[in-house]
Amino acid sequence: MKKICVSILALICIIISVSAVSVSAAKITYMRGDADGDSFVTISDVTRIQRVLADLEKDSNGIVKRNGDVDNNGLDITDATKIQMYLAEFNDPYAIGKTITFDEYELPFIPNN
């Protein structure tokens, strides 16, 4: 009986090791500040953020929340202001307009403030 149990256990280990599946996360790519998802950072992105924050529009797919959060501390009205400052060509420490890529299961870097 002991030999049968050991044999079955060995067979299970072989099956598990042979059928091991490697999981790779999908890459998420977006443009920081492009809240409306049109591949450009414009005043329309500011308006979209303001409308979502005022509950005049829904962000059902999360694009506004992800793309519009330029400082990585949650979407709020300061993100709209920072995009406006970027459009007015003020100093941009947030990489607005740059492409951001991360793994689907990896959280974006959030710096300590």
PDB file of N, CA and C in Angstrom:
ATOM      1  N   MET A   1       0.826  -1.192   0.000  1.00  0.00           N
ATOM      2  CA  MET A   1       0.000   0.000   0.000  1.00  0.00           C
ATOM      3  C   MET A   1       0.873   1.260   0.000  1.00  0.00           C
ATOM      4  N   LYS A   2       1.967   1.188   0.788  1.00  0.00           N
ATOM      5  CA  LYS A   2       2.859   2.336   0.869  1.00  0.00           C
ATOM      6  C   LYS A   2       3.503   2.621  -0.473  1.00  0.00           C
ATOM      7  N   LYS A   3       3.864   1.561  -1.234  1.00  0.00           N
ATOM      8  CA  LYS A   3       4.473   1.738  -2.551  1.00  0.00           C
ATOM      9  C   LYS A   3       3.488   2.371  -3.520  1.00  0.00           C
ATOM     10  N   ILE A   4       2.229   2.017  -3.399  1.00  0.00           N
ATOM     11  CA  ILE A   4       1.203   2.578  -4.292  1.00  0.00           C
ATOM     12  C   ILE A   4       1.042   4.068  -4.004  1.00  0.00           C
ATOM     13  N   CYS A   5       0.989   4.443  -2.731  1.00  0.00           N
ATOM     14  CA  CYS A   5       0.847   5.857  -2.361  1.00  0.00           C
ATOM     15  C   CYS A   5       2.050   6.669  -2.836  1.00  0.00           C
ATOM     16  N   VAL A   6       3.244   6.131  -2.664  1.00  0.00           N
ATOM     17  CA  VAL A   6       4.448   6.825  -3.105  1.00  0.00           C
ATOM     18  C   VAL A   6       4.451   6.954  -4.621  1.00  0.00           C
ATOM     19  N   SER A   7       4.033   5.901  -5.310  1.00  0.00           N
ATOM     20  CA  SER A   7       3.981   5.933  -6.776  1.00  0.00           C
ATOM     21  C   SER A   7       2.975   6.965  -7.266  1.00  0.00           C
ATOM     22  N   ILE A   8       1.831   7.012  -6.620  1.00  0.00           N
ATOM     23  CA  ILE A   8       0.802   7.983  -7.017  1.00  0.00           C
ATOM     24  C   ILE A   8       1.296   9.403  -6.743  1.00  0.00           C
ATOM     25  N   LEU A   9       1.927   9.598  -5.594  1.00  0.00           N
ATOM     26  CA  LEU A   9       2.463  10.912  -5.268  1.00  0.00           C
ATOM     27  C   LEU A   9       3.537  11.339  -6.263  1.00  0.00           C
ATOM     28  N   ALA A  10       4.408  10.403  -6.640  1.00  0.00           N
ATOM     29  CA  ALA A  10       5.446  10.698  -7.629  1.00  0.00           C
ATOM     30  C   ALA A  10       4.821  11.037  -8.969  1.00  0.00           C
ATOM     31  N   LEU A  11       3.784  10.310  -9.357  1.00  0.00           N
ATOM     32  CA  LEU A  11       3.094  10.567 -10.621  1.00  0.00           C
ATOM     33  C   LEU A  11       2.439  11.954 -10.612  1.00  0.00           C
ATOM     34  N   ILE A  12       1.841  12.321  -9.495  1.00  0.00           N
ATOM     35  CA  ILE A  12       1.220  13.640  -9.375  1.00  0.00           C
ATOM     36  C   ILE A  12       2.279  14.734  -9.494  1.00  0.00           C
ATOM     37  N   CYS A  13       3.430  14.533  -8.846  1.00  0.00           N
ATOM     38  CA  CYS A  13       4.514  15.530  -8.932  1.00  0.00           C
ATOM     39  C   CYS A  13       5.018  15.682 -10.360  1.00  0.00           C
ATOM     40  N   ILE A  14       5.128  14.568 -11.078  1.00  0.00           N
ATOM     41  CA  ILE A  14       5.578  14.624 -12.471  1.00  0.00           C
ATOM     42  C   ILE A  14       4.558  15.369 -13.321  1.00  0.00           C
ATOM     43  N   ILE A  15       3.292  15.081 -13.125  1.00  0.00           N
ATOM     44  CA  ILE A  15       2.239  15.740 -13.910  1.00  0.00           C
ATOM     45  C   ILE A  15       2.242  17.248 -13.641  1.00  0.00           C
ATOM     46  N   ILE A  16       2.377  17.612 -12.384  1.00  0.00           N
ATOM     47  CA  ILE A  16       2.392  19.039 -12.036  1.00  0.00           C
ATOM     48  C   ILE A  16       3.598  19.737 -12.644  1.00  0.00           C
ATOM     49  N   SER A  17       4.766  19.099 -12.576  1.00  0.00           N
ATOM     50  CA  SER A  17       5.961  19.749 -13.110  1.00  0.00           C
ATOM     51  C   SER A  17       5.945  19.841 -14.624  1.00  0.00           C
ATOM     52  N   VAL A  18       5.356  18.852 -15.282  1.00  0.00           N
ATOM     53  CA  VAL A  18       5.277  18.872 -16.749  1.00  0.00           C
ATOM     54  C   VAL A  18       4.251  19.893 -17.222  1.00  0.00           C
ATOM     55  N   SER A  19       3.177  20.019 -16.457  1.00  0.00           N
ATOM     56  CA  SER A  19       2.106  20.903 -16.895  1.00  0.00           C
ATOM     57  C   SER A  19       2.207  22.292 -16.285  1.00  0.00           C
ATOM     58  N   ALA A  20       3.355  22.638 -15.752  1.00  0.00           N
ATOM     59  CA  ALA A  20       3.524  23.976 -15.167  1.00  0.00           C
ATOM     60  C   ALA A  20       3.317  25.025 -16.245  1.00  0.00           C
ATOM     61  N   VAL A  21       2.535  25.998 -15.916  1.00  0.00           N
ATOM     62  CA  VAL A  21       2.197  27.041 -16.867  1.00  0.00           C
ATOM     63  C   VAL A  21       2.884  28.332 -16.435  1.00  0.00           C
ATOM     64  N   SER A  22       3.547  28.967 -17.377  1.00  0.00           N
ATOM     65  CA  SER A  22       4.130  30.260 -17.045  1.00  0.00           C
ATOM     66  C   SER A  22       3.096  31.335 -17.352  1.00  0.00           C
ATOM     67  N   VAL A  23       2.912  32.192 -16.402  1.00  0.00           N
ATOM     68  CA  VAL A  23       1.939  33.266 -16.544  1.00  0.00           C
ATOM     69  C   VAL A  23       2.718  34.563 -16.765  1.00  0.00           C
ATOM     70  N   SER A  24       2.379  35.254 -17.832  1.00  0.00           N
ATOM     71  CA  SER A  24       3.010  36.544 -18.066  1.00  0.00           C
ATOM     72  C   SER A  24       1.924  37.613 -18.074  1.00  0.00           C
ATOM     73  N   ALA A  25       2.188  38.681 -17.413  1.00  0.00           N
ATOM     74  CA  ALA A  25       1.222  39.763 -17.317  1.00  0.00           C
ATOM     75  C   ALA A  25       1.231  40.584 -18.596  1.00  0.00           C
ATOM     76  N   ALA A  26       0.064  41.054 -18.943  1.00  0.00           N
ATOM     77  CA  ALA A  26      -0.058  41.914 -20.110  1.00  0.00           C
ATOM     78  C   ALA A  26       0.528  43.288 -19.787  1.00  0.00           C
ATOM     79  N   LYS A  27       1.068  43.936 -20.788  1.00  0.00           N
ATOM     80  CA  LYS A  27       1.617  45.280 -20.617  1.00  0.00           C
ATOM     81  C   LYS A  27       0.505  46.304 -20.816  1.00  0.00           C
ATOM     82  N   ILE A  28       0.453  47.252 -19.927  1.00  0.00           N
ATOM     83  CA  ILE A  28      -0.487  48.358 -20.021  1.00  0.00           C
ATOM     84  C   ILE A  28       0.316  49.578 -20.474  1.00  0.00           C
ATOM     85  N   THR A  29      -0.126  50.209 -21.534  1.00  0.00           N
ATOM     86  CA  THR A  29       0.541  51.400 -22.053  1.00  0.00           C
ATOM     87  C   THR A  29      -0.490  52.510 -22.201  1.00  0.00           C
ATOM     88  N   TYR A  30      -0.152  53.678 -21.702  1.00  0.00           N
ATOM     89  CA  TYR A  30      -1.052  54.829 -21.836  1.00  0.00           C
ATOM     90  C   TYR A  30      -0.234  56.112 -21.814  1.00  0.00           C
ATOM     91  N   MET A  31      -0.861  57.198 -22.204  1.00  0.00           N
ATOM     92  CA  MET A  31      -0.203  58.504 -22.174  1.00  0.00           C
ATOM     93  C   MET A  31      -0.674  59.250 -20.933  1.00  0.00           C
ATOM     94  N   ARG A  32       0.278  59.643 -20.105  1.00  0.00           N
ATOM     95  CA  ARG A  32      -0.061  60.347 -18.863  1.00  0.00           C
ATOM     96  C   ARG A  32      -0.697  61.692 -19.198  1.00  0.00           C
ATOM     97  N   GLY A  33      -1.891  61.905 -18.663  1.00  0.00           N
ATOM     98  CA  GLY A  33      -2.613  63.156 -18.878  1.00  0.00           C
ATOM     99  C   GLY A  33      -3.680  63.052 -19.955  1.00  0.00           C
ATOM    100  N   ASP A  34      -3.660  61.985 -20.762  1.00  0.00           N
ATOM    101  CA  ASP A  34      -4.622  61.803 -21.855  1.00  0.00           C
ATOM    102  C   ASP A  34      -5.897  61.162 -21.308  1.00  0.00           C
ATOM    103  N   ALA A  35      -6.663  61.928 -20.568  1.00  0.00           N
ATOM    104  CA  ALA A  35      -7.836  61.406 -19.864  1.00  0.00           C
ATOM    105  C   ALA A  35      -8.955  60.938 -20.788  1.00  0.00           C
ATOM    106  N   ASP A  36      -9.030  61.479 -21.999  1.00  0.00           N
ATOM    107  CA  ASP A  36     -10.093  61.044 -22.905  1.00  0.00           C
ATOM    108  C   ASP A  36      -9.642  59.944 -23.866  1.00  0.00           C
ATOM    109  N   GLY A  37      -8.369  59.560 -23.803  1.00  0.00           N
ATOM    110  CA  GLY A  37      -7.880  58.425 -24.574  1.00  0.00           C
ATOM    111  C   GLY A  37      -7.716  58.657 -26.063  1.00  0.00           C
ATOM    112  N   ASP A  38      -7.548  59.906 -26.500  1.00  0.00           N
ATOM    113  CA  ASP A  38      -7.417  60.184 -27.933  1.00  0.00           C
ATOM    114  C   ASP A  38      -5.961  60.324 -28.387  1.00  0.00           C
ATOM    115  N   SER A  39      -5.011  59.985 -27.527  1.00  0.00           N
ATOM    116  CA  SER A  39      -3.566  60.021 -27.807  1.00  0.00           C
ATOM    117  C   SER A  39      -2.972  61.427 -27.859  1.00  0.00           C
ATOM    118  N   PHE A  40      -3.696  62.398 -27.344  1.00  0.00           N
ATOM    119  CA  PHE A  40      -3.202  63.773 -27.257  1.00  0.00           C
ATOM    120  C   PHE A  40      -3.568  64.337 -25.894  1.00  0.00           C
ATOM    121  N   VAL A  41      -2.730  65.198 -25.360  1.00  0.00           N
ATOM    122  CA  VAL A  41      -3.063  65.893 -24.113  1.00  0.00           C
ATOM    123  C   VAL A  41      -3.516  67.287 -24.497  1.00  0.00           C
ATOM    124  N   THR A  42      -4.805  67.551 -24.281  1.00  0.00           N
ATOM    125  CA  THR A  42      -5.406  68.833 -24.658  1.00  0.00           C
ATOM    126  C   THR A  42      -6.325  69.311 -23.536  1.00  0.00           C
ATOM    127  N   ILE A  43      -6.925  70.450 -23.743  1.00  0.00           N
ATOM    128  CA  ILE A  43      -7.871  70.986 -22.762  1.00  0.00           C
ATOM    129  C   ILE A  43      -9.092  70.072 -22.615  1.00  0.00           C
ATOM    130  N   SER A  44      -9.371  69.252 -23.627  1.00  0.00           N
ATOM    131  CA  SER A  44     -10.479  68.286 -23.530  1.00  0.00           C
ATOM    132  C   SER A  44     -10.243  67.282 -22.411  1.00  0.00           C
ATOM    133  N   ASP A  45      -8.985  66.965 -22.140  1.00  0.00           N
ATOM    134  CA  ASP A  45      -8.663  66.049 -21.048  1.00  0.00           C
ATOM    135  C   ASP A  45      -8.984  66.689 -19.703  1.00  0.00           C
ATOM    136  N   VAL A  46      -8.703  67.978 -19.578  1.00  0.00           N
ATOM    137  CA  VAL A  46      -9.025  68.718 -18.353  1.00  0.00           C
ATOM    138  C   VAL A  46     -10.533  68.713 -18.142  1.00  0.00           C
ATOM    139  N   THR A  47     -11.266  68.994 -19.197  1.00  0.00           N
ATOM    140  CA  THR A  47     -12.729  69.022 -19.118  1.00  0.00           C
ATOM    141  C   THR A  47     -13.274  67.655 -18.734  1.00  0.00           C
ATOM    142  N   ARG A  48     -12.714  66.609 -19.319  1.00  0.00           N
ATOM    143  CA  ARG A  48     -13.174  65.245 -19.004  1.00  0.00           C
ATOM    144  C   ARG A  48     -12.942  64.918 -17.531  1.00  0.00           C
ATOM    145  N   ILE A  49     -11.778  65.273 -17.005  1.00  0.00           N
ATOM    146  CA  ILE A  49     -11.494  65.044 -15.580  1.00  0.00           C
ATOM    147  C   ILE A  49     -12.490  65.793 -14.709  1.00  0.00           C
ATOM    148  N   GLN A  50     -12.738  67.051 -15.041  1.00  0.00           N
ATOM    149  CA  GLN A  50     -13.672  67.860 -14.258  1.00  0.00           C
ATOM    150  C   GLN A  50     -15.083  67.271 -14.300  1.00  0.00           C
ATOM    151  N   ARG A  51     -15.507  66.803 -15.458  1.00  0.00           N
ATOM    152  CA  ARG A  51     -16.850  66.221 -15.594  1.00  0.00           C
ATOM    153  C   ARG A  51     -16.976  64.924 -14.798  1.00  0.00           C
ATOM    154  N   VAL A  52     -15.922  64.115 -14.802  1.00  0.00           N
ATOM    155  CA  VAL A  52     -15.956  62.868 -14.029  1.00  0.00           C
ATOM    156  C   VAL A  52     -15.975  63.174 -12.534  1.00  0.00           C
ATOM    157  N   LEU A  53     -15.147  64.119 -12.098  1.00  0.00           N
ATOM    158  CA  LEU A  53     -15.109  64.475 -10.679  1.00  0.00           C
ATOM    159  C   LEU A  53     -16.430  65.080 -10.205  1.00  0.00           C
ATOM    160  N   ALA A  54     -17.136  65.775 -11.094  1.00  0.00           N
ATOM    161  CA  ALA A  54     -18.425  66.378 -10.749  1.00  0.00           C
ATOM    162  C   ALA A  54     -19.592  65.410 -10.945  1.00  0.00           C
ATOM    163  N   ASP A  55     -19.281  64.158 -11.268  1.00  0.00           N
ATOM    164  CA  ASP A  55     -20.302  63.118 -11.522  1.00  0.00           C
ATOM    165  C   ASP A  55     -21.248  63.471 -12.668  1.00  0.00           C
ATOM    166  N   LEU A  56     -20.741  64.228 -13.644  1.00  0.00           N
ATOM    167  CA  LEU A  56     -21.520  64.520 -14.842  1.00  0.00           C
ATOM    168  C   LEU A  56     -21.274  63.476 -15.920  1.00  0.00           C
ATOM    169  N   GLU A  57     -20.170  62.739 -15.799  1.00  0.00           N
ATOM    170  CA  GLU A  57     -19.829  61.638 -16.699  1.00  0.00           C
ATOM    171  C   GLU A  57     -19.354  60.468 -15.863  1.00  0.00           C
ATOM    172  N   LYS A  58     -19.541  59.281 -16.395  1.00  0.00           N
ATOM    173  CA  LYS A  58     -19.035  58.076 -15.738  1.00  0.00           C
ATOM    174  C   LYS A  58     -17.690  57.705 -16.344  1.00  0.00           C
ATOM    175  N   ASP A  59     -16.854  57.106 -15.547  1.00  0.00           N
ATOM    176  CA  ASP A  59     -15.562  56.580 -15.997  1.00  0.00           C
ATOM    177  C   ASP A  59     -15.632  55.060 -15.898  1.00  0.00           C
ATOM    178  N   SER A  60     -16.527  54.469 -16.693  1.00  0.00           N
ATOM    179  CA  SER A  60     -16.832  53.042 -16.567  1.00  0.00           C
ATOM    180  C   SER A  60     -15.643  52.134 -16.872  1.00  0.00           C
ATOM    181  N   ASN A  61     -14.741  52.540 -17.748  1.00  0.00           N
ATOM    182  CA  ASN A  61     -13.592  51.693 -18.081  1.00  0.00           C
ATOM    183  C   ASN A  61     -12.325  52.106 -17.329  1.00  0.00           C
ATOM    184  N   GLY A  62     -12.371  53.140 -16.521  1.00  0.00           N
ATOM    185  CA  GLY A  62     -11.248  53.555 -15.687  1.00  0.00           C
ATOM    186  C   GLY A  62     -10.151  54.322 -16.399  1.00  0.00           C
ATOM    187  N   ILE A  63     -10.379  54.698 -17.647  1.00  0.00           N
ATOM    188  CA  ILE A  63      -9.338  55.412 -18.406  1.00  0.00           C
ATOM    189  C   ILE A  63      -9.068  56.792 -17.817  1.00  0.00           C
ATOM    190  N   VAL A  64     -10.113  57.504 -17.449  1.00  0.00           N
ATOM    191  CA  VAL A  64      -9.923  58.849 -16.899  1.00  0.00           C
ATOM    192  C   VAL A  64      -9.142  58.762 -15.590  1.00  0.00           C
ATOM    193  N   LYS A  65      -9.508  57.824 -14.745  1.00  0.00           N
ATOM    194  CA  LYS A  65      -8.831  57.667 -13.454  1.00  0.00           C
ATOM    195  C   LYS A  65      -7.359  57.309 -13.629  1.00  0.00           C
ATOM    196  N   ARG A  66      -7.063  56.387 -14.551  1.00  0.00           N
ATOM    197  CA  ARG A  66      -5.679  55.959 -14.759  1.00  0.00           C
ATOM    198  C   ARG A  66      -4.870  57.029 -15.499  1.00  0.00           C
ATOM    199  N   ASN A  67      -5.348  57.484 -16.639  1.00  0.00           N
ATOM    200  CA  ASN A  67      -4.594  58.424 -17.472  1.00  0.00           C
ATOM    201  C   ASN A  67      -4.572  59.837 -16.893  1.00  0.00           C
ATOM    202  N   GLY A  68      -5.646  60.220 -16.231  1.00  0.00           N
ATOM    203  CA  GLY A  68      -5.755  61.580 -15.733  1.00  0.00           C
ATOM    204  C   GLY A  68      -5.020  61.824 -14.429  1.00  0.00           C
ATOM    205  N   ASP A  69      -4.698  60.756 -13.708  1.00  0.00           N
ATOM    206  CA  ASP A  69      -3.986  60.894 -12.429  1.00  0.00           C
ATOM    207  C   ASP A  69      -2.507  61.092 -12.709  1.00  0.00           C
ATOM    208  N   VAL A  70      -2.105  62.334 -12.917  1.00  0.00           N
ATOM    209  CA  VAL A  70      -0.735  62.613 -13.346  1.00  0.00           C
ATOM    210  C   VAL A  70       0.280  62.568 -12.214  1.00  0.00           C
ATOM    211  N   ASP A  71      -0.162  62.707 -10.970  1.00  0.00           N
ATOM    212  CA  ASP A  71       0.783  62.715  -9.851  1.00  0.00           C
ATOM    213  C   ASP A  71       0.705  61.443  -8.995  1.00  0.00           C
ATOM    214  N   ASN A  72      -0.024  60.449  -9.455  1.00  0.00           N
ATOM    215  CA  ASN A  72      -0.126  59.131  -8.803  1.00  0.00           C
ATOM    216  C   ASN A  72      -0.610  59.174  -7.362  1.00  0.00           C
ATOM    217  N   ASN A  73      -1.517  60.090  -7.055  1.00  0.00           N
ATOM    218  CA  ASN A  73      -2.092  60.091  -5.711  1.00  0.00           C
ATOM    219  C   ASN A  73      -3.613  60.087  -5.754  1.00  0.00           C
ATOM    220  N   GLY A  74      -4.155  59.548  -6.822  1.00  0.00           N
ATOM    221  CA  GLY A  74      -5.605  59.514  -6.993  1.00  0.00           C
ATOM    222  C   GLY A  74      -6.075  60.692  -7.823  1.00  0.00           C
ATOM    223  N   LEU A  75      -7.121  60.458  -8.592  1.00  0.00           N
ATOM    224  CA  LEU A  75      -7.655  61.511  -9.458  1.00  0.00           C
ATOM    225  C   LEU A  75      -8.354  62.570  -8.622  1.00  0.00           C
ATOM    226  N   ASP A  76      -7.920  63.809  -8.766  1.00  0.00           N
ATOM    227  CA  ASP A  76      -8.576  64.935  -8.111  1.00  0.00           C
ATOM    228  C   ASP A  76      -8.389  66.183  -8.973  1.00  0.00           C
ATOM    229  N   ILE A  77      -8.928  67.282  -8.503  1.00  0.00           N
ATOM    230  CA  ILE A  77      -8.924  68.510  -9.304  1.00  0.00           C
ATOM    231  C   ILE A  77      -7.510  69.037  -9.537  1.00  0.00           C
ATOM    232  N   THR A  78      -6.565  68.686  -8.674  1.00  0.00           N
ATOM    233  CA  THR A  78      -5.192  69.159  -8.891  1.00  0.00           C
ATOM    234  C   THR A  78      -4.584  68.517 -10.141  1.00  0.00           C
ATOM    235  N   ASP A  79      -5.047  67.337 -10.517  1.00  0.00           N
ATOM    236  CA  ASP A  79      -4.564  66.733 -11.765  1.00  0.00           C
ATOM    237  C   ASP A  79      -4.987  67.570 -12.965  1.00  0.00           C
ATOM    238  N   ALA A  80      -6.214  68.052 -12.951  1.00  0.00           N
ATOM    239  CA  ALA A  80      -6.685  68.927 -14.040  1.00  0.00           C
ATOM    240  C   ALA A  80      -5.844  70.211 -14.081  1.00  0.00           C
ATOM    241  N   THR A  81      -5.544  70.762 -12.917  1.00  0.00           N
ATOM    242  CA  THR A  81      -4.725  71.977 -12.850  1.00  0.00           C
ATOM    243  C   THR A  81      -3.319  71.719 -13.382  1.00  0.00           C
ATOM    244  N   LYS A  82      -2.745  70.582 -13.041  1.00  0.00           N
ATOM    245  CA  LYS A  82      -1.391  70.254 -13.495  1.00  0.00           C
ATOM    246  C   LYS A  82      -1.351  70.067 -15.010  1.00  0.00           C
ATOM    247  N   ILE A  83      -2.408  69.517 -15.575  1.00  0.00           N
ATOM    248  CA  ILE A  83      -2.478  69.382 -17.041  1.00  0.00           C
ATOM    249  C   ILE A  83      -2.601  70.764 -17.672  1.00  0.00           C
ATOM    250  N   GLN A  84      -3.397  71.647 -17.076  1.00  0.00           N
ATOM    251  CA  GLN A  84      -3.506  73.013 -17.587  1.00  0.00           C
ATOM    252  C   GLN A  84      -2.149  73.716 -17.553  1.00  0.00           C
ATOM    253  N   MET A  85      -1.403  73.519 -16.494  1.00  0.00           N
ATOM    254  CA  MET A  85      -0.071  74.132 -16.393  1.00  0.00           C
ATOM    255  C   MET A  85       0.859  73.544 -17.453  1.00  0.00           C
ATOM    256  N   TYR A  86       0.739  72.248 -17.717  1.00  0.00           N
ATOM    257  CA  TYR A  86       1.525  71.614 -18.782  1.00  0.00           C
ATOM    258  C   TYR A  86       1.177  72.236 -20.138  1.00  0.00           C
ATOM    259  N   LEU A  87      -0.111  72.435 -20.386  1.00  0.00           N
ATOM    260  CA  LEU A  87      -0.556  73.014 -21.659  1.00  0.00           C
ATOM    261  C   LEU A  87      -0.089  74.462 -21.804  1.00  0.00           C
ATOM    262  N   ALA A  88       0.045  75.164 -20.679  1.00  0.00           N
ATOM    263  CA  ALA A  88       0.539  76.547 -20.701  1.00  0.00           C
ATOM    264  C   ALA A  88       2.070  76.600 -20.695  1.00  0.00           C
ATOM    265  N   GLU A  89       2.686  75.424 -20.813  1.00  0.00           N
ATOM    266  CA  GLU A  89       4.136  75.263 -20.914  1.00  0.00           C
ATOM    267  C   GLU A  89       4.888  75.686 -19.655  1.00  0.00           C
ATOM    268  N   PHE A  90       4.267  75.431 -18.497  1.00  0.00           N
ATOM    269  CA  PHE A  90       4.976  75.591 -17.238  1.00  0.00           C
ATOM    270  C   PHE A  90       5.868  74.370 -17.033  1.00  0.00           C
ATOM    271  N   ASN A  91       6.739  74.411 -16.042  1.00  0.00           N
ATOM    272  CA  ASN A  91       7.599  73.281 -15.711  1.00  0.00           C
ATOM    273  C   ASN A  91       6.736  72.036 -15.443  1.00  0.00           C
ATOM    274  N   ASP A  92       7.129  70.889 -15.988  1.00  0.00           N
ATOM    275  CA  ASP A  92       6.343  69.664 -15.862  1.00  0.00           C
ATOM    276  C   ASP A  92       7.149  68.555 -15.184  1.00  0.00           C
ATOM    277  N   PRO A  93       7.055  68.428 -13.862  1.00  0.00           N
ATOM    278  CA  PRO A  93       7.776  67.354 -13.175  1.00  0.00           C
ATOM    279  C   PRO A  93       7.035  66.019 -13.213  1.00  0.00           C
ATOM    280  N   TYR A  94       5.869  65.952 -13.866  1.00  0.00           N
ATOM    281  CA  TYR A  94       5.028  64.755 -13.829  1.00  0.00           C
ATOM    282  C   TYR A  94       5.080  63.912 -15.102  1.00  0.00           C
ATOM    283  N   ALA A  95       5.877  64.293 -16.072  1.00  0.00           N
ATOM    284  CA  ALA A  95       5.987  63.569 -17.349  1.00  0.00           C
ATOM    285  C   ALA A  95       4.641  63.482 -18.064  1.00  0.00           C
ATOM    286  N   ILE A  96       3.883  64.551 -18.019  1.00  0.00           N
ATOM    287  CA  ILE A  96       2.608  64.611 -18.727  1.00  0.00           C
ATOM    288  C   ILE A  96       2.898  64.550 -20.221  1.00  0.00           C
ATOM    289  N   GLY A  97       2.107  63.781 -20.940  1.00  0.00           N
ATOM    290  CA  GLY A  97       2.298  63.614 -22.378  1.00  0.00           C
ATOM    291  C   GLY A  97       3.261  62.493 -22.725  1.00  0.00           C
ATOM    292  N   LYS A  98       3.888  61.888 -21.734  1.00  0.00           N
ATOM    293  CA  LYS A  98       4.819  60.780 -21.962  1.00  0.00           C
ATOM    294  C   LYS A  98       4.075  59.453 -21.881  1.00  0.00           C
ATOM    295  N   THR A  99       4.588  58.461 -22.590  1.00  0.00           N
ATOM    296  CA  THR A  99       3.994  57.133 -22.573  1.00  0.00           C
ATOM    297  C   THR A  99       4.459  56.377 -21.335  1.00  0.00           C
ATOM    298  N   ILE A 100       3.523  55.794 -20.631  1.00  0.00           N
ATOM    299  CA  ILE A 100       3.785  55.019 -19.426  1.00  0.00           C
ATOM    300  C   ILE A 100       3.458  53.556 -19.739  1.00  0.00           C
ATOM    301  N   THR A 101       4.356  52.650 -19.370  1.00  0.00           N
ATOM    302  CA  THR A 101       4.130  51.222 -19.579  1.00  0.00           C
ATOM    303  C   THR A 101       4.431  50.485 -18.283  1.00  0.00           C
ATOM    304  N   PHE A 102       3.525  49.582 -17.905  1.00  0.00           N
ATOM    305  CA  PHE A 102       3.765  48.733 -16.745  1.00  0.00           C
ATOM    306  C   PHE A 102       2.989  47.432 -16.932  1.00  0.00           C
ATOM    307  N   ASP A 103       3.383  46.401 -16.186  1.00  0.00           N
ATOM    308  CA  ASP A 103       2.681  45.134 -16.243  1.00  0.00           C
ATOM    309  C   ASP A 103       1.298  45.303 -15.641  1.00  0.00           C
ATOM    310  N   GLU A 104       0.347  44.540 -16.161  1.00  0.00           N
ATOM    311  CA  GLU A 104      -1.030  44.628 -15.696  1.00  0.00           C
ATOM    312  C   GLU A 104      -1.127  44.405 -14.182  1.00  0.00           C
ATOM    313  N   TYR A 105      -0.282  43.541 -13.639  1.00  0.00           N
ATOM    314  CA  TYR A 105      -0.351  43.223 -12.221  1.00  0.00           C
ATOM    315  C   TYR A 105       0.648  44.013 -11.394  1.00  0.00           C
ATOM    316  N   GLU A 106       1.327  44.950 -12.015  1.00  0.00           N
ATOM    317  CA  GLU A 106       2.310  45.787 -11.332  1.00  0.00           C
ATOM    318  C   GLU A 106       1.706  47.154 -11.128  1.00  0.00           C
ATOM    319  N   LEU A 107       1.788  47.660  -9.922  1.00  0.00           N
ATOM    320  CA  LEU A 107       1.263  48.986  -9.660  1.00  0.00           C
ATOM    321  C   LEU A 107       2.247  50.028 -10.160  1.00  0.00           C
ATOM    322  N   PRO A 108       1.759  51.147 -10.681  1.00  0.00           N
ATOM    323  CA  PRO A 108       2.679  52.209 -11.092  1.00  0.00           C
ATOM    324  C   PRO A 108       3.462  52.724  -9.884  1.00  0.00           C
ATOM    325  N   PHE A 109       4.650  53.209 -10.117  1.00  0.00           N
ATOM    326  CA  PHE A 109       5.498  53.745  -9.057  1.00  0.00           C
ATOM    327  C   PHE A 109       4.822  54.966  -8.438  1.00  0.00           C
ATOM    328  N   ILE A 110       4.753  54.979  -7.126  1.00  0.00           N
ATOM    329  CA  ILE A 110       4.199  56.115  -6.414  1.00  0.00           C
ATOM    330  C   ILE A 110       5.302  56.678  -5.517  1.00  0.00           C
ATOM    331  N   PRO A 111       5.839  57.837  -5.850  1.00  0.00           N
ATOM    332  CA  PRO A 111       6.946  58.377  -5.062  1.00  0.00           C
ATOM    333  C   PRO A 111       6.478  58.852  -3.687  1.00  0.00           C
ATOM    334  N   ASN A 112       7.386  58.859  -2.727  1.00  0.00           N
ATOM    335  CA  ASN A 112       7.086  59.405  -1.394  1.00  0.00           C
ATOM    336  C   ASN A 112       7.071  60.914  -1.482  1.00  0.00           C
ATOM    337  N   ASN A 113       6.090  61.507  -0.883  1.00  0.00           N
ATOM    338  CA  ASN A 113       5.986  62.979  -0.907  1.00  0.00           C
ATOM    339  C   ASN A 113       6.409  63.556   0.407  1.00  0.00           C
TER     340      ASN A 113
END
